[in-house]
Each structure stands twice: as structure tokens, then as C-alpha cells.
N, C-alpha and C. Protein backbone atom coordinates (compact mmCIF):
# COMPACT_ATOMS: atom_id res chain seq x y z
N MET A 1 13.61 -47.85 -23.89
CA MET A 1 14.97 -46.49 -23.31
C MET A 1 13.84 -45.53 -22.26
N LEU A 2 14.15 -45.50 -21.51
CA LEU A 2 13.81 -44.16 -20.39
C LEU A 2 13.14 -42.61 -21.18
N SER A 3 11.92 -42.67 -21.08
CA SER A 3 11.30 -41.24 -21.23
C SER A 3 12.11 -40.28 -20.27
N ALA A 4 12.18 -39.05 -20.85
CA ALA A 4 13.40 -37.86 -20.17
C ALA A 4 12.07 -37.88 -18.98
N LYS A 5 10.77 -37.74 -18.99
CA LYS A 5 10.48 -37.77 -17.45
C LYS A 5 10.94 -39.26 -15.97
N ALA A 6 10.78 -40.19 -16.69
CA ALA A 6 11.53 -41.54 -15.91
C ALA A 6 13.08 -40.92 -15.94
N LEU A 7 13.95 -40.33 -16.67
CA LEU A 7 15.31 -39.89 -16.62
C LEU A 7 15.32 -39.06 -15.03
N ASN A 8 14.48 -37.95 -15.14
CA ASN A 8 14.20 -36.59 -14.23
C ASN A 8 13.47 -37.60 -13.14
N ASP A 9 12.98 -38.30 -12.63
CA ASP A 9 11.98 -39.32 -11.90
C ASP A 9 13.40 -39.82 -11.13
N TYR A 10 14.37 -40.20 -11.66
CA TYR A 10 15.69 -40.83 -11.21
C TYR A 10 16.44 -39.61 -10.39
N LYS A 11 16.64 -38.65 -11.52
CA LYS A 11 17.20 -37.76 -10.84
C LYS A 11 16.90 -37.16 -9.44
N ASN A 12 15.61 -37.22 -9.32
CA ASN A 12 14.85 -36.17 -7.81
C ASN A 12 14.96 -37.46 -7.01
N PHE A 13 14.41 -38.68 -7.12
CA PHE A 13 15.17 -39.34 -6.59
C PHE A 13 16.39 -39.67 -6.24
N THR A 14 17.33 -39.88 -6.60
CA THR A 14 18.76 -39.61 -6.05
C THR A 14 19.03 -38.57 -4.92
N LYS A 15 18.50 -37.77 -6.04
CA LYS A 15 18.63 -36.29 -4.44
C LYS A 15 18.27 -36.66 -3.37
N SER A 16 16.91 -36.86 -3.59
CA SER A 16 16.37 -37.29 -1.81
C SER A 16 16.77 -38.33 -1.33
N ARG A 17 17.50 -38.83 -1.49
CA ARG A 17 18.29 -40.36 -1.05
C ARG A 17 19.73 -40.13 -0.62
N VAL A 18 20.39 -39.34 -0.96
CA VAL A 18 21.16 -39.11 -0.24
C VAL A 18 21.56 -38.26 0.36
N ALA A 19 22.02 -38.45 1.65
CA ALA A 19 21.62 -37.75 2.47
C ALA A 19 23.44 -36.84 3.75
N LEU A 20 23.78 -37.59 3.07
CA LEU A 20 25.34 -37.27 3.95
C LEU A 20 26.89 -37.40 3.04
N ALA A 21 27.83 -36.62 3.35
CA ALA A 21 29.02 -37.21 2.88
C ALA A 21 30.15 -37.29 3.62
N ARG A 22 30.84 -38.42 3.38
CA ARG A 22 31.75 -38.43 4.47
C ARG A 22 33.44 -38.73 4.13
N TYR A 23 34.31 -38.75 4.79
CA TYR A 23 35.97 -38.46 4.07
C TYR A 23 36.47 -39.33 4.77
N LYS A 24 37.42 -39.83 4.52
CA LYS A 24 38.53 -40.65 5.22
C LYS A 24 39.99 -40.08 5.66
N THR A 25 40.22 -39.77 6.40
CA THR A 25 41.61 -39.43 7.05
C THR A 25 42.64 -40.09 7.84
N GLY A 26 43.42 -40.99 7.99
CA GLY A 26 44.15 -41.71 8.44
C GLY A 26 43.09 -42.84 8.78
N GLY A 27 43.30 -43.78 9.05
CA GLY A 27 41.61 -44.55 9.83
C GLY A 27 40.77 -44.12 10.21
N SER A 28 39.94 -43.17 9.89
CA SER A 28 38.72 -42.19 10.41
C SER A 28 37.90 -42.04 9.52
N TYR A 29 36.77 -42.33 9.29
CA TYR A 29 35.84 -41.21 8.36
C TYR A 29 34.93 -40.47 9.59
N VAL A 30 35.66 -39.67 9.02
CA VAL A 30 34.02 -38.41 9.75
C VAL A 30 33.17 -37.85 8.26
N GLU A 31 31.79 -37.80 9.09
CA GLU A 31 30.33 -37.77 8.14
C GLU A 31 30.73 -35.70 8.44
N ILE A 32 29.71 -35.61 6.81
CA ILE A 32 29.67 -34.43 7.02
C ILE A 32 28.44 -33.87 5.98
N PRO A 33 27.90 -32.66 6.42
CA PRO A 33 26.52 -32.26 6.11
C PRO A 33 26.88 -32.42 3.93
N ILE A 34 25.75 -32.43 3.36
CA ILE A 34 25.23 -32.13 2.38
C ILE A 34 25.08 -30.45 2.59
N ASP A 35 26.08 -29.42 1.81
CA ASP A 35 25.83 -28.28 1.65
C ASP A 35 24.74 -28.00 0.87
N ARG A 36 24.75 -28.59 -0.48
CA ARG A 36 23.61 -28.08 -1.34
C ARG A 36 23.75 -29.40 -3.03
N VAL A 37 22.56 -29.44 -3.75
CA VAL A 37 22.06 -30.45 -4.36
C VAL A 37 21.36 -29.84 -5.55
N GLU A 38 22.15 -29.40 -6.88
CA GLU A 38 21.42 -28.63 -7.97
C GLU A 38 21.43 -29.97 -9.17
N THR A 39 20.88 -29.49 -10.15
CA THR A 39 20.62 -30.41 -11.30
C THR A 39 22.03 -29.33 -12.35
N LEU A 40 22.51 -29.85 -12.76
CA LEU A 40 23.68 -28.57 -13.43
C LEU A 40 22.83 -28.46 -15.19
N VAL A 41 23.32 -27.85 -15.65
CA VAL A 41 22.69 -26.60 -16.71
C VAL A 41 23.18 -28.28 -17.65
N ASP A 42 23.94 -28.90 -17.76
CA ASP A 42 24.37 -30.09 -19.19
C ASP A 42 23.51 -31.77 -18.37
N GLY A 43 22.84 -31.33 -17.11
CA GLY A 43 22.04 -32.83 -16.68
C GLY A 43 22.42 -33.76 -15.88
N ARG A 44 23.55 -32.48 -15.22
CA ARG A 44 23.94 -34.08 -13.88
C ARG A 44 23.69 -33.67 -13.19
N VAL A 45 23.43 -34.52 -11.36
CA VAL A 45 23.11 -34.09 -10.66
C VAL A 45 24.17 -34.02 -9.77
N ALA A 46 24.23 -32.91 -8.74
CA ALA A 46 25.57 -32.33 -8.43
C ALA A 46 25.16 -32.16 -6.81
N PHE A 47 26.03 -32.57 -6.27
CA PHE A 47 25.88 -32.65 -4.44
C PHE A 47 27.52 -31.94 -3.75
N TYR A 48 27.23 -30.95 -3.41
CA TYR A 48 28.34 -30.28 -2.69
C TYR A 48 28.10 -30.13 -1.23
N CYS A 49 29.91 -30.41 -0.21
CA CYS A 49 29.94 -30.74 0.59
C CYS A 49 31.06 -29.91 1.13
N SER A 50 31.99 -29.58 2.01
CA SER A 50 32.81 -28.76 2.74
C SER A 50 33.27 -29.64 3.61
N ILE A 51 34.48 -29.98 3.83
CA ILE A 51 35.91 -30.20 4.43
C ILE A 51 35.99 -29.14 5.31
N THR A 52 35.63 -28.59 6.32
CA THR A 52 35.86 -27.34 6.66
C THR A 52 37.16 -27.23 7.79
N PRO A 53 37.65 -26.01 7.80
CA PRO A 53 38.92 -25.99 8.33
C PRO A 53 39.01 -26.06 10.19
N GLY A 54 40.33 -26.75 10.13
CA GLY A 54 40.10 -27.23 11.95
C GLY A 54 41.49 -27.63 12.01
N LYS A 55 42.39 -28.61 11.21
CA LYS A 55 43.67 -29.09 11.15
C LYS A 55 43.72 -29.72 9.84
N ALA A 56 45.29 -29.73 9.69
CA ALA A 56 45.86 -30.52 8.94
C ALA A 56 45.79 -31.94 8.65
N LEU A 57 45.85 -32.03 7.24
CA LEU A 57 45.03 -33.32 7.29
C LEU A 57 44.99 -34.17 5.54
N ASP A 58 44.94 -35.44 5.06
CA ASP A 58 45.30 -35.81 4.15
C ASP A 58 43.46 -36.50 4.00
N VAL A 59 42.95 -36.34 2.86
CA VAL A 59 42.04 -37.29 2.93
C VAL A 59 42.00 -37.98 1.65
N THR A 60 41.83 -38.91 1.87
CA THR A 60 42.53 -40.68 1.50
C THR A 60 40.90 -41.39 0.81
N GLU A 61 39.51 -40.61 1.00
CA GLU A 61 38.36 -41.65 0.54
C GLU A 61 37.34 -40.31 0.29
N LEU A 62 36.22 -40.21 -0.43
CA LEU A 62 34.74 -39.71 -0.26
C LEU A 62 34.58 -40.79 -0.20
N ALA A 63 32.98 -40.49 -0.06
CA ALA A 63 31.80 -41.09 0.00
C ALA A 63 30.27 -40.11 0.04
N LEU A 64 29.28 -40.66 -0.32
CA LEU A 64 28.00 -40.11 0.11
C LEU A 64 27.50 -41.70 0.68
N LEU A 65 26.42 -40.73 1.47
CA LEU A 65 25.44 -41.97 2.35
C LEU A 65 24.04 -41.45 2.01
N ASP A 66 23.47 -42.67 2.04
CA ASP A 66 22.11 -42.40 1.69
C ASP A 66 21.32 -42.40 3.41
N THR A 67 19.97 -42.27 3.21
CA THR A 67 19.41 -41.83 4.82
C THR A 67 19.42 -43.10 5.17
N SER A 68 20.21 -43.99 5.02
CA SER A 68 20.07 -45.31 6.24
C SER A 68 21.67 -44.94 6.19
N LYS A 69 22.69 -44.18 5.63
CA LYS A 69 23.91 -44.12 5.92
C LYS A 69 24.72 -45.60 5.45
N GLU A 70 23.81 -45.73 4.70
CA GLU A 70 24.72 -46.78 3.88
C GLU A 70 25.52 -46.40 2.47
N VAL A 71 26.36 -46.38 2.18
CA VAL A 71 27.46 -46.20 0.77
C VAL A 71 26.82 -46.62 -0.35
N PHE A 72 26.05 -44.76 -0.95
CA PHE A 72 25.56 -44.32 -1.79
C PHE A 72 26.50 -45.03 -3.07
N TYR A 73 27.50 -44.52 -2.86
CA TYR A 73 28.94 -44.14 -3.83
C TYR A 73 29.83 -43.48 -2.93
N SER A 74 31.05 -44.16 -3.27
CA SER A 74 32.68 -43.88 -2.73
C SER A 74 33.52 -44.10 -3.97
N LYS A 75 35.16 -43.97 -3.21
CA LYS A 75 35.74 -43.60 -4.19
C LYS A 75 37.18 -42.90 -3.06
N ALA A 76 38.08 -44.02 -3.60
CA ALA A 76 39.89 -43.85 -3.22
C ALA A 76 40.16 -42.73 -3.76
N LEU A 77 40.73 -42.21 -3.04
CA LEU A 77 41.44 -41.22 -3.73
C LEU A 77 42.97 -41.43 -3.98
N THR A 78 44.09 -41.48 -4.72
CA THR A 78 45.46 -41.75 -4.46
C THR A 78 46.03 -40.73 -5.24
N GLY A 79 47.04 -41.54 -5.31
CA GLY A 79 47.76 -40.01 -6.34
C GLY A 79 47.90 -38.63 -5.84
N ASN A 80 48.04 -38.04 -6.94
CA ASN A 80 47.54 -36.76 -7.45
C ASN A 80 46.37 -36.36 -6.42
N GLU A 81 45.07 -37.41 -6.52
CA GLU A 81 44.08 -37.31 -6.32
C GLU A 81 43.17 -36.79 -4.67
N VAL A 82 45.02 -37.31 -3.92
CA VAL A 82 44.04 -37.10 -2.84
C VAL A 82 44.82 -35.50 -1.76
N ILE A 83 43.75 -34.75 -1.05
CA ILE A 83 43.08 -33.74 -0.54
C ILE A 83 44.33 -33.69 0.42
N HIS A 84 45.50 -32.55 0.13
CA HIS A 84 45.92 -32.24 1.26
C HIS A 84 45.45 -30.95 2.02
N ILE A 85 45.02 -31.37 3.16
CA ILE A 85 45.05 -30.19 3.92
C ILE A 85 46.04 -29.20 4.86
N LYS A 86 46.78 -28.51 4.45
CA LYS A 86 48.19 -28.00 4.96
C LYS A 86 47.81 -27.67 5.92
N ASP A 87 47.44 -26.77 6.84
CA ASP A 87 46.84 -26.44 7.60
C ASP A 87 45.67 -25.97 8.19
N ALA A 88 45.29 -25.34 9.75
CA ALA A 88 44.34 -25.37 10.38
C ALA A 88 43.31 -24.36 9.76
N SER A 89 43.64 -23.14 9.06
CA SER A 89 42.96 -22.55 8.22
C SER A 89 42.29 -22.65 6.90
N GLU A 90 42.54 -23.86 6.07
CA GLU A 90 42.15 -24.08 5.00
C GLU A 90 41.32 -25.48 5.33
N GLY A 91 40.52 -25.33 4.12
CA GLY A 91 39.71 -25.83 3.77
C GLY A 91 39.47 -26.56 2.29
N ALA A 92 37.83 -27.16 2.74
CA ALA A 92 38.13 -27.60 0.86
C ALA A 92 36.78 -28.38 0.24
N LEU A 93 35.93 -27.91 -1.00
CA LEU A 93 34.75 -27.49 -1.27
C LEU A 93 34.56 -28.89 -2.55
N VAL A 94 34.25 -29.98 -2.14
CA VAL A 94 33.77 -31.31 -3.30
C VAL A 94 32.51 -30.81 -3.12
N ARG A 95 32.51 -31.44 -4.94
CA ARG A 95 31.61 -31.49 -5.42
C ARG A 95 31.59 -33.25 -6.44
N PHE A 96 30.64 -33.30 -6.16
CA PHE A 96 30.11 -35.09 -6.68
C PHE A 96 29.09 -34.69 -7.71
N ALA A 97 29.35 -35.10 -8.41
CA ALA A 97 28.20 -34.96 -10.05
C ALA A 97 28.34 -35.86 -10.94
N TYR A 98 27.57 -36.51 -11.28
CA TYR A 98 26.90 -37.38 -12.14
C TYR A 98 26.19 -37.85 -13.23
N THR A 99 25.78 -38.27 -13.75
CA THR A 99 25.06 -38.55 -15.38
C THR A 99 23.78 -39.20 -14.75
N VAL A 100 22.61 -39.47 -15.01
CA VAL A 100 21.88 -40.20 -14.93
C VAL A 100 21.40 -40.44 -16.24
N SER A 101 21.37 -41.75 -16.61
CA SER A 101 21.17 -41.84 -18.06
C SER A 101 20.81 -43.41 -18.44
N ASP A 102 19.84 -43.29 -19.40
CA ASP A 102 19.48 -45.26 -20.30
C ASP A 102 20.52 -45.70 -20.80
N ALA A 103 21.12 -46.66 -19.85
CA ALA A 103 21.82 -47.78 -21.01
C ALA A 103 21.73 -48.74 -21.61
N SER A 104 19.96 -48.56 -21.95
CA SER A 104 20.31 -50.14 -22.41
C SER A 104 19.68 -50.05 -24.28
N GLY A 105 20.45 -48.61 -24.71
CA GLY A 105 21.03 -48.81 -25.89
C GLY A 105 19.62 -48.30 -26.89
N SER A 106 18.41 -48.41 -26.19
CA SER A 106 17.50 -48.80 -27.50
C SER A 106 16.73 -47.56 -27.10
């Protein structure tokens, strides 16, 4: 079983490796900066980013990219998960939150 320190080291490593977020709208990907990274009270690691106002669009995929711009995490959004920005004055705050745990069962 990983020690509490080892789990914390993994959290810190993850926080330092995730560099950007991106979203998909139509057939295009748009990279956006990570606004904030934190460890939540419950121990999860959270990344925040903003889809800034500018035009109406539908976001159908979200992703986090590492420092090499490789996909660290991605999620296709379907049904009621799709983010609909209906007006050029609207935007969206997105939070990715992850639990880092030892799955060894020991």
C-alpha cells in the first residue's frame, strides 16, 4: 500500500504535469490555460479553466493536456453533458476533479 506521502507526491506530480486544457466545438479544438490548481478538502486534485465569452458554441469534448501537449485526460460530452453557450456574452467555468488513491487493495 502506498504511504500518505507517496500519494501526496503523486498529486503534486500530476499538478505539475498538467499544463493546459482544451475543448472541442464543431470539428475544432481550442486550447485554454489552466486558471487554478488546488487540492480540495476531501483530498481530490482539481484543475479549473474558463471558456471565455466570445461566440455561441456547443462544447462536445473536454481534455487536459500535459506539458508535452499530449492528452492527460479527455471526456466526450453527450446528451445533457454538452455545454451549450448560447450567447456571445456567456462563458463557462470548468472543473476537473480527481481522486488519487492506491488501488492495490493491500
